[in-house]
Amino acid sequence: MYKKIDRETLKAKLESDEVIHLVEVLSKKEFERLHIKGAEHIQFGDIAQEAKKRFDLKDTIIVYCADKECLASPTAAKKLDTFNFSNVYDYEAGKADWKAAGYQMEGLEVSSN
């Protein structure tokens, strides 16, 4: 069963030596526009197929989308559960929360500022 993760716990995980896969599950265009620094992209409709190719079942995978109203990341986390990935987290507050905290972002929106 996937777990929820908050901003500060995610930040600590990203700053640790732990190997994690931080995955934005929105569209490629949205990912290219702005994403959390170091994130990977897998559109939520492709999450199971792509995760099976890229990750081991015991890898730490943290999915996120736009904000708490966005249903893409909880949907992706549930799908990963059904494919037996055992260390899945949903950062449900998403990139809006991360950006509001002033944490590092990447993408075209950052480059143009």
PDB file of N, CA and C in Angstrom:
ATOM      1  N   MET A   1       0.846  -1.195   0.000  1.00  0.00           N
ATOM      2  CA  MET A   1       0.000   0.000   0.000  1.00  0.00           C
ATOM      3  C   MET A   1       0.881   1.244   0.000  1.00  0.00           C
ATOM      4  N   TYR A   2       0.618   2.146  -0.945  1.00  0.00           N
ATOM      5  CA  TYR A   2       1.437   3.352  -1.004  1.00  0.00           C
ATOM      6  C   TYR A   2       1.174   4.242   0.197  1.00  0.00           C
ATOM      7  N   LYS A   3       2.150   5.110   0.478  1.00  0.00           N
ATOM      8  CA  LYS A   3       2.062   6.029   1.597  1.00  0.00           C
ATOM      9  C   LYS A   3       2.102   7.465   1.060  1.00  0.00           C
ATOM     10  N   LYS A   4       1.627   8.389   1.851  1.00  0.00           N
ATOM     11  CA  LYS A   4       1.736   9.802   1.500  1.00  0.00           C
ATOM     12  C   LYS A   4       3.033  10.341   2.104  1.00  0.00           C
ATOM     13  N   ILE A   5       3.589  11.336   1.433  1.00  0.00           N
ATOM     14  CA  ILE A   5       4.815  11.957   1.929  1.00  0.00           C
ATOM     15  C   ILE A   5       4.619  13.466   1.893  1.00  0.00           C
ATOM     16  N   ASP A   6       5.138  14.150   2.902  1.00  0.00           N
ATOM     17  CA  ASP A   6       5.011  15.607   2.933  1.00  0.00           C
ATOM     18  C   ASP A   6       6.280  16.263   2.386  1.00  0.00           C
ATOM     19  N   ARG A   7       6.206  17.553   2.200  1.00  0.00           N
ATOM     20  CA  ARG A   7       7.292  18.310   1.574  1.00  0.00           C
ATOM     21  C   ARG A   7       8.619  18.159   2.311  1.00  0.00           C
ATOM     22  N   GLU A   8       8.617  18.310   3.618  1.00  0.00           N
ATOM     23  CA  GLU A   8       9.877  18.279   4.370  1.00  0.00           C
ATOM     24  C   GLU A   8      10.502  16.879   4.367  1.00  0.00           C
ATOM     25  N   THR A   9       9.672  15.854   4.437  1.00  0.00           N
ATOM     26  CA  THR A   9      10.191  14.484   4.372  1.00  0.00           C
ATOM     27  C   THR A   9      10.765  14.201   2.992  1.00  0.00           C
ATOM     28  N   LEU A  10      10.082  14.673   1.958  1.00  0.00           N
ATOM     29  CA  LEU A  10      10.597  14.515   0.599  1.00  0.00           C
ATOM     30  C   LEU A  10      11.921  15.243   0.450  1.00  0.00           C
ATOM     31  N   LYS A  11      11.993  16.460   0.933  1.00  0.00           N
ATOM     32  CA  LYS A  11      13.235  17.238   0.838  1.00  0.00           C
ATOM     33  C   LYS A  11      14.378  16.499   1.518  1.00  0.00           C
ATOM     34  N   ALA A  12      14.129  15.951   2.703  1.00  0.00           N
ATOM     35  CA  ALA A  12      15.160  15.205   3.425  1.00  0.00           C
ATOM     36  C   ALA A  12      15.601  13.970   2.637  1.00  0.00           C
ATOM     37  N   LYS A  13      14.643  13.267   2.031  1.00  0.00           N
ATOM     38  CA  LYS A  13      14.994  12.092   1.223  1.00  0.00           C
ATOM     39  C   LYS A  13      15.855  12.493   0.023  1.00  0.00           C
ATOM     40  N   LEU A  14      15.498  13.595  -0.629  1.00  0.00           N
ATOM     41  CA  LEU A  14      16.269  14.044  -1.785  1.00  0.00           C
ATOM     42  C   LEU A  14      17.686  14.478  -1.402  1.00  0.00           C
ATOM     43  N   GLU A  15      17.846  14.972  -0.194  1.00  0.00           N
ATOM     44  CA  GLU A  15      19.161  15.426   0.270  1.00  0.00           C
ATOM     45  C   GLU A  15      19.996  14.296   0.866  1.00  0.00           C
ATOM     46  N   SER A  16      19.399  13.143   1.084  1.00  0.00           N
ATOM     47  CA  SER A  16      20.121  12.004   1.658  1.00  0.00           C
ATOM     48  C   SER A  16      20.829  11.227   0.548  1.00  0.00           C
ATOM     49  N   ASP A  17      21.539  10.196   0.955  1.00  0.00           N
ATOM     50  CA  ASP A  17      22.215   9.336  -0.018  1.00  0.00           C
ATOM     51  C   ASP A  17      21.299   8.238  -0.523  1.00  0.00           C
ATOM     52  N   GLU A  18      20.074   8.199  -0.024  1.00  0.00           N
ATOM     53  CA  GLU A  18      19.128   7.166  -0.439  1.00  0.00           C
ATOM     54  C   GLU A  18      18.812   7.313  -1.934  1.00  0.00           C
ATOM     55  N   VAL A  19      18.775   6.206  -2.622  1.00  0.00           N
ATOM     56  CA  VAL A  19      18.423   6.227  -4.041  1.00  0.00           C
ATOM     57  C   VAL A  19      16.906   6.224  -4.148  1.00  0.00           C
ATOM     58  N   ILE A  20      16.374   7.279  -4.735  1.00  0.00           N
ATOM     59  CA  ILE A  20      14.925   7.356  -4.928  1.00  0.00           C
ATOM     60  C   ILE A  20      14.640   7.777  -6.365  1.00  0.00           C
ATOM     61  N   HIS A  21      13.463   7.452  -6.800  1.00  0.00           N
ATOM     62  CA  HIS A  21      12.986   7.894  -8.105  1.00  0.00           C
ATOM     63  C   HIS A  21      11.822   8.842  -7.845  1.00  0.00           C
ATOM     64  N   LEU A  22      12.039  10.113  -8.128  1.00  0.00           N
ATOM     65  CA  LEU A  22      11.003  11.120  -7.998  1.00  0.00           C
ATOM     66  C   LEU A  22      10.391  11.293  -9.381  1.00  0.00           C
ATOM     67  N   VAL A  23       9.107  10.994  -9.506  1.00  0.00           N
ATOM     68  CA  VAL A  23       8.474  10.917 -10.821  1.00  0.00           C
ATOM     69  C   VAL A  23       7.286  11.860 -10.912  1.00  0.00           C
ATOM     70  N   GLU A  24       7.368  12.805 -11.860  1.00  0.00           N
ATOM     71  CA  GLU A  24       6.207  13.634 -12.167  1.00  0.00           C
ATOM     72  C   GLU A  24       5.354  12.875 -13.172  1.00  0.00           C
ATOM     73  N   VAL A  25       4.054  12.819 -12.900  1.00  0.00           N
ATOM     74  CA  VAL A  25       3.149  12.005 -13.723  1.00  0.00           C
ATOM     75  C   VAL A  25       2.208  12.841 -14.591  1.00  0.00           C
ATOM     76  N   LEU A  26       2.512  14.111 -14.749  1.00  0.00           N
ATOM     77  CA  LEU A  26       1.716  14.967 -15.627  1.00  0.00           C
ATOM     78  C   LEU A  26       2.193  14.815 -17.072  1.00  0.00           C
ATOM     79  N   SER A  27       1.645  15.602 -17.977  1.00  0.00           N
ATOM     80  CA  SER A  27       2.024  15.514 -19.391  1.00  0.00           C
ATOM     81  C   SER A  27       3.486  15.921 -19.588  1.00  0.00           C
ATOM     82  N   LYS A  28       4.060  15.470 -20.688  1.00  0.00           N
ATOM     83  CA  LYS A  28       5.448  15.818 -21.016  1.00  0.00           C
ATOM     84  C   LYS A  28       5.599  17.339 -21.129  1.00  0.00           C
ATOM     85  N   LYS A  29       4.627  17.993 -21.743  1.00  0.00           N
ATOM     86  CA  LYS A  29       4.664  19.450 -21.896  1.00  0.00           C
ATOM     87  C   LYS A  29       4.702  20.140 -20.530  1.00  0.00           C
ATOM     88  N   GLU A  30       3.873  19.674 -19.610  1.00  0.00           N
ATOM     89  CA  GLU A  30       3.833  20.251 -18.268  1.00  0.00           C
ATOM     90  C   GLU A  30       5.148  19.990 -17.534  1.00  0.00           C
ATOM     91  N   PHE A  31       5.697  18.789 -17.678  1.00  0.00           N
ATOM     92  CA  PHE A  31       6.982  18.456 -17.063  1.00  0.00           C
ATOM     93  C   PHE A  31       8.079  19.379 -17.609  1.00  0.00           C
ATOM     94  N   GLU A  32       8.117  19.562 -18.915  1.00  0.00           N
ATOM     95  CA  GLU A  32       9.145  20.410 -19.521  1.00  0.00           C
ATOM     96  C   GLU A  32       8.992  21.863 -19.088  1.00  0.00           C
ATOM     97  N   ARG A  33       7.759  22.283 -18.850  1.00  0.00           N
ATOM     98  CA  ARG A  33       7.510  23.662 -18.409  1.00  0.00           C
ATOM     99  C   ARG A  33       8.108  23.901 -17.020  1.00  0.00           C
ATOM    100  N   LEU A  34       7.847  22.975 -16.089  1.00  0.00           N
ATOM    101  CA  LEU A  34       8.314  23.159 -14.716  1.00  0.00           C
ATOM    102  C   LEU A  34       8.199  21.846 -13.956  1.00  0.00           C
ATOM    103  N   HIS A  35       9.267  21.456 -13.291  1.00  0.00           N
ATOM    104  CA  HIS A  35       9.235  20.256 -12.450  1.00  0.00           C
ATOM    105  C   HIS A  35      10.218  20.406 -11.295  1.00  0.00           C
ATOM    106  N   ILE A  36      10.053  19.563 -10.294  1.00  0.00           N
ATOM    107  CA  ILE A  36      10.961  19.555  -9.151  1.00  0.00           C
ATOM    108  C   ILE A  36      12.339  19.120  -9.639  1.00  0.00           C
ATOM    109  N   LYS A  37      13.363  19.823  -9.189  1.00  0.00           N
ATOM    110  CA  LYS A  37      14.736  19.530  -9.626  1.00  0.00           C
ATOM    111  C   LYS A  37      15.068  18.057  -9.388  1.00  0.00           C
ATOM    112  N   GLY A  38      15.554  17.414 -10.445  1.00  0.00           N
ATOM    113  CA  GLY A  38      15.969  16.021 -10.359  1.00  0.00           C
ATOM    114  C   GLY A  38      14.877  15.013 -10.664  1.00  0.00           C
ATOM    115  N   ALA A  39      13.667  15.489 -10.902  1.00  0.00           N
ATOM    116  CA  ALA A  39      12.550  14.570 -11.160  1.00  0.00           C
ATOM    117  C   ALA A  39      12.678  13.907 -12.527  1.00  0.00           C
ATOM    118  N   GLU A  40      12.068  12.736 -12.632  1.00  0.00           N
ATOM    119  CA  GLU A  40      11.938  12.010 -13.891  1.00  0.00           C
ATOM    120  C   GLU A  40      10.504  12.207 -14.373  1.00  0.00           C
ATOM    121  N   HIS A  41      10.271  11.921 -15.645  1.00  0.00           N
ATOM    122  CA  HIS A  41       8.915  12.046 -16.166  1.00  0.00           C
ATOM    123  C   HIS A  41       8.389  10.702 -16.647  1.00  0.00           C
ATOM    124  N   ILE A  42       7.208  10.352 -16.159  1.00  0.00           N
ATOM    125  CA  ILE A  42       6.424   9.246 -16.715  1.00  0.00           C
ATOM    126  C   ILE A  42       4.967   9.702 -16.641  1.00  0.00           C
ATOM    127  N   GLN A  43       4.329   9.841 -17.773  1.00  0.00           N
ATOM    128  CA  GLN A  43       2.926  10.243 -17.769  1.00  0.00           C
ATOM    129  C   GLN A  43       2.106   9.181 -17.040  1.00  0.00           C
ATOM    130  N   PHE A  44       1.133   9.596 -16.229  1.00  0.00           N
ATOM    131  CA  PHE A  44       0.464   8.655 -15.335  1.00  0.00           C
ATOM    132  C   PHE A  44      -0.195   7.490 -16.059  1.00  0.00           C
ATOM    133  N   GLY A  45      -0.634   7.679 -17.275  1.00  0.00           N
ATOM    134  CA  GLY A  45      -1.236   6.586 -18.027  1.00  0.00           C
ATOM    135  C   GLY A  45      -0.246   5.500 -18.408  1.00  0.00           C
ATOM    136  N   ASP A  46       1.040   5.841 -18.375  1.00  0.00           N
ATOM    137  CA  ASP A  46       2.108   4.896 -18.748  1.00  0.00           C
ATOM    138  C   ASP A  46       2.888   4.395 -17.544  1.00  0.00           C
ATOM    139  N   ILE A  47       2.464   4.744 -16.345  1.00  0.00           N
ATOM    140  CA  ILE A  47       3.296   4.527 -15.164  1.00  0.00           C
ATOM    141  C   ILE A  47       3.665   3.060 -14.950  1.00  0.00           C
ATOM    142  N   ALA A  48       2.731   2.149 -15.040  1.00  0.00           N
ATOM    143  CA  ALA A  48       3.040   0.746 -14.743  1.00  0.00           C
ATOM    144  C   ALA A  48       4.016   0.176 -15.765  1.00  0.00           C
ATOM    145  N   GLN A  49       3.731   0.390 -17.018  1.00  0.00           N
ATOM    146  CA  GLN A  49       4.577  -0.140 -18.085  1.00  0.00           C
ATOM    147  C   GLN A  49       5.997   0.422 -17.997  1.00  0.00           C
ATOM    148  N   GLU A  50       6.113   1.728 -17.831  1.00  0.00           N
ATOM    149  CA  GLU A  50       7.430   2.362 -17.762  1.00  0.00           C
ATOM    150  C   GLU A  50       8.169   2.002 -16.473  1.00  0.00           C
ATOM    151  N   ALA A  51       7.466   1.964 -15.360  1.00  0.00           N
ATOM    152  CA  ALA A  51       8.108   1.632 -14.085  1.00  0.00           C
ATOM    153  C   ALA A  51       8.679   0.214 -14.125  1.00  0.00           C
ATOM    154  N   LYS A  52       7.962  -0.713 -14.740  1.00  0.00           N
ATOM    155  CA  LYS A  52       8.465  -2.089 -14.847  1.00  0.00           C
ATOM    156  C   LYS A  52       9.764  -2.138 -15.647  1.00  0.00           C
ATOM    157  N   LYS A  53       9.905  -1.261 -16.633  1.00  0.00           N
ATOM    158  CA  LYS A  53      11.129  -1.213 -17.438  1.00  0.00           C
ATOM    159  C   LYS A  53      12.288  -0.558 -16.678  1.00  0.00           C
ATOM    160  N   ARG A  54      11.975   0.481 -15.901  1.00  0.00           N
ATOM    161  CA  ARG A  54      13.027   1.323 -15.316  1.00  0.00           C
ATOM    162  C   ARG A  54      13.427   0.974 -13.885  1.00  0.00           C
ATOM    163  N   PHE A  55      12.487   0.433 -13.109  1.00  0.00           N
ATOM    164  CA  PHE A  55      12.721   0.304 -11.675  1.00  0.00           C
ATOM    165  C   PHE A  55      12.595  -1.137 -11.194  1.00  0.00           C
ATOM    166  N   ASP A  56      13.246  -1.417 -10.065  1.00  0.00           N
ATOM    167  CA  ASP A  56      13.058  -2.689  -9.375  1.00  0.00           C
ATOM    168  C   ASP A  56      11.847  -2.566  -8.456  1.00  0.00           C
ATOM    169  N   LEU A  57      11.234  -3.695  -8.142  1.00  0.00           N
ATOM    170  CA  LEU A  57      10.020  -3.677  -7.315  1.00  0.00           C
ATOM    171  C   LEU A  57      10.240  -3.087  -5.927  1.00  0.00           C
ATOM    172  N   LYS A  58      11.471  -3.115  -5.420  1.00  0.00           N
ATOM    173  CA  LYS A  58      11.754  -2.591  -4.071  1.00  0.00           C
ATOM    174  C   LYS A  58      12.313  -1.174  -4.081  1.00  0.00           C
ATOM    175  N   ASP A  59      12.475  -0.580  -5.260  1.00  0.00           N
ATOM    176  CA  ASP A  59      12.972   0.797  -5.335  1.00  0.00           C
ATOM    177  C   ASP A  59      11.990   1.758  -4.662  1.00  0.00           C
ATOM    178  N   THR A  60      12.531   2.829  -4.120  1.00  0.00           N
ATOM    179  CA  THR A  60      11.687   3.893  -3.587  1.00  0.00           C
ATOM    180  C   THR A  60      11.240   4.772  -4.753  1.00  0.00           C
ATOM    181  N   ILE A  61       9.930   4.852  -4.934  1.00  0.00           N
ATOM    182  CA  ILE A  61       9.342   5.643  -6.013  1.00  0.00           C
ATOM    183  C   ILE A  61       8.385   6.651  -5.386  1.00  0.00           C
ATOM    184  N   ILE A  62       8.635   7.928  -5.664  1.00  0.00           N
ATOM    185  CA  ILE A  62       7.769   8.987  -5.157  1.00  0.00           C
ATOM    186  C   ILE A  62       7.140   9.674  -6.362  1.00  0.00           C
ATOM    187  N   VAL A  63       5.827   9.621  -6.443  1.00  0.00           N
ATOM    188  CA  VAL A  63       5.108  10.244  -7.551  1.00  0.00           C
ATOM    189  C   VAL A  63       4.477  11.553  -7.077  1.00  0.00           C
ATOM    190  N   TYR A  64       4.361  12.490  -8.010  1.00  0.00           N
ATOM    191  CA  TYR A  64       3.679  13.752  -7.698  1.00  0.00           C
ATOM    192  C   TYR A  64       3.052  14.308  -8.962  1.00  0.00           C
ATOM    193  N   CYS A  65       2.111  15.218  -8.755  1.00  0.00           N
ATOM    194  CA  CYS A  65       1.506  15.932  -9.877  1.00  0.00           C
ATOM    195  C   CYS A  65       1.429  17.411  -9.518  1.00  0.00           C
ATOM    196  N   ALA A  66       0.376  18.091  -9.907  1.00  0.00           N
ATOM    197  CA  ALA A  66       0.318  19.547  -9.765  1.00  0.00           C
ATOM    198  C   ALA A  66       0.074  20.028  -8.327  1.00  0.00           C
ATOM    199  N   ASP A  67      -0.965  19.482  -7.682  1.00  0.00           N
ATOM    200  CA  ASP A  67      -1.363  19.955  -6.357  1.00  0.00           C
ATOM    201  C   ASP A  67      -2.319  18.938  -5.728  1.00  0.00           C
ATOM    202  N   LYS A  68      -2.867  19.278  -4.563  1.00  0.00           N
ATOM    203  CA  LYS A  68      -3.750  18.335  -3.854  1.00  0.00           C
ATOM    204  C   LYS A  68      -5.019  17.988  -4.620  1.00  0.00           C
ATOM    205  N   GLU A  69      -5.467  18.872  -5.506  1.00  0.00           N
ATOM    206  CA  GLU A  69      -6.686  18.602  -6.277  1.00  0.00           C
ATOM    207  C   GLU A  69      -6.431  17.663  -7.455  1.00  0.00           C
ATOM    208  N   CYS A  70      -5.197  17.537  -7.849  1.00  0.00           N
ATOM    209  CA  CYS A  70      -4.815  16.695  -8.981  1.00  0.00           C
ATOM    210  C   CYS A  70      -4.889  15.221  -8.581  1.00  0.00           C
ATOM    211  N   LEU A  71      -5.539  14.419  -9.387  1.00  0.00           N
ATOM    212  CA  LEU A  71      -5.705  12.997  -9.071  1.00  0.00           C
ATOM    213  C   LEU A  71      -4.710  12.087  -9.781  1.00  0.00           C
ATOM    214  N   ALA A  72      -3.808  12.663 -10.577  1.00  0.00           N
ATOM    215  CA  ALA A  72      -2.871  11.845 -11.344  1.00  0.00           C
ATOM    216  C   ALA A  72      -1.898  11.076 -10.450  1.00  0.00           C
ATOM    217  N   SER A  73      -1.347  11.713  -9.430  1.00  0.00           N
ATOM    218  CA  SER A  73      -0.355  10.998  -8.609  1.00  0.00           C
ATOM    219  C   SER A  73      -0.973   9.918  -7.723  1.00  0.00           C
ATOM    220  N   PRO A  74      -2.134  10.141  -7.071  1.00  0.00           N
ATOM    221  CA  PRO A  74      -2.700   9.023  -6.327  1.00  0.00           C
ATOM    222  C   PRO A  74      -3.108   7.865  -7.246  1.00  0.00           C
ATOM    223  N   THR A  75      -3.562   8.186  -8.450  1.00  0.00           N
ATOM    224  CA  THR A  75      -3.908   7.144  -9.415  1.00  0.00           C
ATOM    225  C   THR A  75      -2.664   6.351  -9.799  1.00  0.00           C
ATOM    226  N   ALA A  76      -1.562   7.062 -10.045  1.00  0.00           N
ATOM    227  CA  ALA A  76      -0.303   6.399 -10.393  1.00  0.00           C
ATOM    228  C   ALA A  76       0.209   5.545  -9.232  1.00  0.00           C
ATOM    229  N   ALA A  77       0.125   6.064  -8.009  1.00  0.00           N
ATOM    230  CA  ALA A  77       0.586   5.307  -6.836  1.00  0.00           C
ATOM    231  C   ALA A  77      -0.227   4.023  -6.665  1.00  0.00           C
ATOM    232  N   LYS A  78      -1.539   4.110  -6.834  1.00  0.00           N
ATOM    233  CA  LYS A  78      -2.388   2.912  -6.738  1.00  0.00           C
ATOM    234  C   LYS A  78      -2.016   1.893  -7.812  1.00  0.00           C
ATOM    235  N   LYS A  79      -1.754   2.371  -9.011  1.00  0.00           N
ATOM    236  CA  LYS A  79      -1.380   1.466 -10.097  1.00  0.00           C
ATOM    237  C   LYS A  79      -0.050   0.771  -9.779  1.00  0.00           C
ATOM    238  N   LEU A  80       0.912   1.510  -9.243  1.00  0.00           N
ATOM    239  CA  LEU A  80       2.189   0.902  -8.869  1.00  0.00           C
ATOM    240  C   LEU A  80       1.987  -0.161  -7.793  1.00  0.00           C
ATOM    241  N   ASP A  81       1.085   0.097  -6.856  1.00  0.00           N
ATOM    242  CA  ASP A  81       0.739  -0.912  -5.842  1.00  0.00           C
ATOM    243  C   ASP A  81       0.245  -2.195  -6.498  1.00  0.00           C
ATOM    244  N   THR A  82      -0.620  -2.063  -7.480  1.00  0.00           N
ATOM    245  CA  THR A  82      -1.201  -3.254  -8.113  1.00  0.00           C
ATOM    246  C   THR A  82      -0.159  -4.060  -8.882  1.00  0.00           C
ATOM    247  N   PHE A  83       0.950  -3.411  -9.239  1.00  0.00           N
ATOM    248  CA  PHE A  83       2.035  -4.116  -9.928  1.00  0.00           C
ATOM    249  C   PHE A  83       3.159  -4.506  -8.975  1.00  0.00           C
ATOM    250  N   ASN A  84       2.841  -4.531  -7.681  1.00  0.00           N
ATOM    251  CA  ASN A  84       3.729  -5.047  -6.630  1.00  0.00           C
ATOM    252  C   ASN A  84       4.972  -4.218  -6.339  1.00  0.00           C
ATOM    253  N   PHE A  85       4.964  -2.938  -6.685  1.00  0.00           N
ATOM    254  CA  PHE A  85       6.032  -2.066  -6.219  1.00  0.00           C
ATOM    255  C   PHE A  85       5.765  -1.813  -4.734  1.00  0.00           C
ATOM    256  N   SER A  86       6.783  -2.040  -3.906  1.00  0.00           N
ATOM    257  CA  SER A  86       6.540  -2.093  -2.462  1.00  0.00           C
ATOM    258  C   SER A  86       6.946  -0.846  -1.685  1.00  0.00           C
ATOM    259  N   ASN A  87       7.553   0.127  -2.343  1.00  0.00           N
ATOM    260  CA  ASN A  87       8.039   1.296  -1.622  1.00  0.00           C
ATOM    261  C   ASN A  87       7.621   2.568  -2.368  1.00  0.00           C
ATOM    262  N   VAL A  88       6.303   2.778  -2.432  1.00  0.00           N
ATOM    263  CA  VAL A  88       5.722   3.859  -3.228  1.00  0.00           C
ATOM    264  C   VAL A  88       5.150   4.941  -2.313  1.00  0.00           C
ATOM    265  N   TYR A  89       5.416   6.188  -2.694  1.00  0.00           N
ATOM    266  CA  TYR A  89       4.899   7.345  -1.965  1.00  0.00           C
ATOM    267  C   TYR A  89       4.196   8.283  -2.937  1.00  0.00           C
ATOM    268  N   ASP A  90       3.199   8.980  -2.418  1.00  0.00           N
ATOM    269  CA  ASP A  90       2.516  10.025  -3.176  1.00  0.00           C
ATOM    270  C   ASP A  90       2.762  11.352  -2.471  1.00  0.00           C
ATOM    271  N   TYR A  91       3.421  12.260  -3.165  1.00  0.00           N
ATOM    272  CA  TYR A  91       3.584  13.633  -2.672  1.00  0.00           C
ATOM    273  C   TYR A  91       2.381  14.400  -3.199  1.00  0.00           C
ATOM    274  N   GLU A  92       1.276  14.282  -2.457  1.00  0.00           N
ATOM    275  CA  GLU A  92      -0.003  14.777  -2.952  1.00  0.00           C
ATOM    276  C   GLU A  92      -0.075  16.294  -3.065  1.00  0.00           C
ATOM    277  N   ALA A  93       0.722  17.024  -2.311  1.00  0.00           N
ATOM    278  CA  ALA A  93       0.688  18.485  -2.410  1.00  0.00           C
ATOM    279  C   ALA A  93       1.333  18.958  -3.715  1.00  0.00           C
ATOM    280  N   GLY A  94       2.182  18.140  -4.296  1.00  0.00           N
ATOM    281  CA  GLY A  94       2.712  18.359  -5.633  1.00  0.00           C
ATOM    282  C   GLY A  94       3.623  19.548  -5.814  1.00  0.00           C
ATOM    283  N   LYS A  95       3.852  19.839  -7.084  1.00  0.00           N
ATOM    284  CA  LYS A  95       4.840  20.872  -7.387  1.00  0.00           C
ATOM    285  C   LYS A  95       4.384  22.261  -6.984  1.00  0.00           C
ATOM    286  N   ALA A  96       3.105  22.510  -6.847  1.00  0.00           N
ATOM    287  CA  ALA A  96       2.647  23.824  -6.367  1.00  0.00           C
ATOM    288  C   ALA A  96       3.154  24.071  -4.944  1.00  0.00           C
ATOM    289  N   ASP A  97       3.090  23.043  -4.104  1.00  0.00           N
ATOM    290  CA  ASP A  97       3.563  23.135  -2.721  1.00  0.00           C
ATOM    291  C   ASP A  97       5.080  23.321  -2.686  1.00  0.00           C
ATOM    292  N   TRP A  98       5.782  22.550  -3.508  1.00  0.00           N
ATOM    293  CA  TRP A  98       7.245  22.627  -3.571  1.00  0.00           C
ATOM    294  C   TRP A  98       7.686  24.029  -4.014  1.00  0.00           C
ATOM    295  N   LYS A  99       7.048  24.539  -5.041  1.00  0.00           N
ATOM    296  CA  LYS A  99       7.380  25.868  -5.567  1.00  0.00           C
ATOM    297  C   LYS A  99       7.061  26.948  -4.537  1.00  0.00           C
ATOM    298  N   ALA A 100       5.919  26.819  -3.853  1.00  0.00           N
ATOM    299  CA  ALA A 100       5.520  27.803  -2.835  1.00  0.00           C
ATOM    300  C   ALA A 100       6.539  27.894  -1.711  1.00  0.00           C
ATOM    301  N   ALA A 101       7.227  26.775  -1.435  1.00  0.00           N
ATOM    302  CA  ALA A 101       8.247  26.760  -0.388  1.00  0.00           C
ATOM    303  C   ALA A 101       9.563  27.371  -0.867  1.00  0.00           C
ATOM    304  N   GLY A 102       9.644  27.640  -2.168  1.00  0.00           N
ATOM    305  CA  GLY A 102      10.863  28.221  -2.715  1.00  0.00           C
ATOM    306  C   GLY A 102      11.960  27.212  -2.992  1.00  0.00           C
ATOM    307  N   TYR A 103      11.606  25.947  -3.059  1.00  0.00           N
ATOM    308  CA  TYR A 103      12.598  24.896  -3.312  1.00  0.00           C
ATOM    309  C   TYR A 103      12.914  24.819  -4.804  1.00  0.00           C
ATOM    310  N   GLN A 104      14.013  24.153  -5.106  1.00  0.00           N
ATOM    311  CA  GLN A 104      14.544  24.142  -6.467  1.00  0.00           C
ATOM    312  C   GLN A 104      13.609  23.474  -7.479  1.00  0.00           C
ATOM    313  N   MET A 105      13.436  24.194  -8.583  1.00  0.00           N
ATOM    314  CA  MET A 105      12.636  23.733  -9.714  1.00  0.00           C
ATOM    315  C   MET A 105      13.499  23.801 -10.967  1.00  0.00           C
ATOM    316  N   GLU A 106      13.109  23.049 -11.980  1.00  0.00           N
ATOM    317  CA  GLU A 106      13.777  23.079 -13.279  1.00  0.00           C
ATOM    318  C   GLU A 106      12.713  23.178 -14.364  1.00  0.00           C
ATOM    319  N   GLY A 107      13.132  23.594 -15.544  1.00  0.00           N
ATOM    320  CA  GLY A 107      12.230  23.634 -16.684  1.00  0.00           C
ATOM    321  C   GLY A 107      12.259  24.964 -17.401  1.00  0.00           C
ATOM    322  N   LEU A 108      11.483  25.052 -18.460  1.00  0.00           N
ATOM    323  CA  LEU A 108      11.451  26.245 -19.300  1.00  0.00           C
ATOM    324  C   LEU A 108      11.016  27.485 -18.527  1.00  0.00           C
ATOM    325  N   GLU A 109      10.066  27.315 -17.611  1.00  0.00           N
ATOM    326  CA  GLU A 109       9.589  28.465 -16.835  1.00  0.00           C
ATOM    327  C   GLU A 109      10.703  29.051 -15.985  1.00  0.00           C
ATOM    328  N   VAL A 110      11.569  28.211 -15.444  1.00  0.00           N
ATOM    329  CA  VAL A 110      12.693  28.681 -14.634  1.00  0.00           C
ATOM    330  C   VAL A 110      13.720  29.370 -15.526  1.00  0.00           C
ATOM    331  N   SER A 111      13.993  28.782 -16.689  1.00  0.00           N
ATOM    332  CA  SER A 111      14.994  29.319 -17.624  1.00  0.00           C
ATOM    333  C   SER A 111      14.626  30.691 -18.145  1.00  0.00           C
ATOM    334  N   SER A 112      13.322  30.956 -18.273  1.00  0.00           N
ATOM    335  CA  SER A 112      12.879  32.221 -18.864  1.00  0.00           C
ATOM    336  C   SER A 112      12.816  33.361 -17.847  1.00  0.00           C
ATOM    337  N   ASN A 113      12.995  33.035 -16.575  1.00  0.00           N
ATOM    338  CA  ASN A 113      12.943  34.096 -15.541  1.00  0.00           C
ATOM    339  C   ASN A 113      14.289  34.729 -15.326  1.00  0.00           C
TER     340      ASN A 113
END
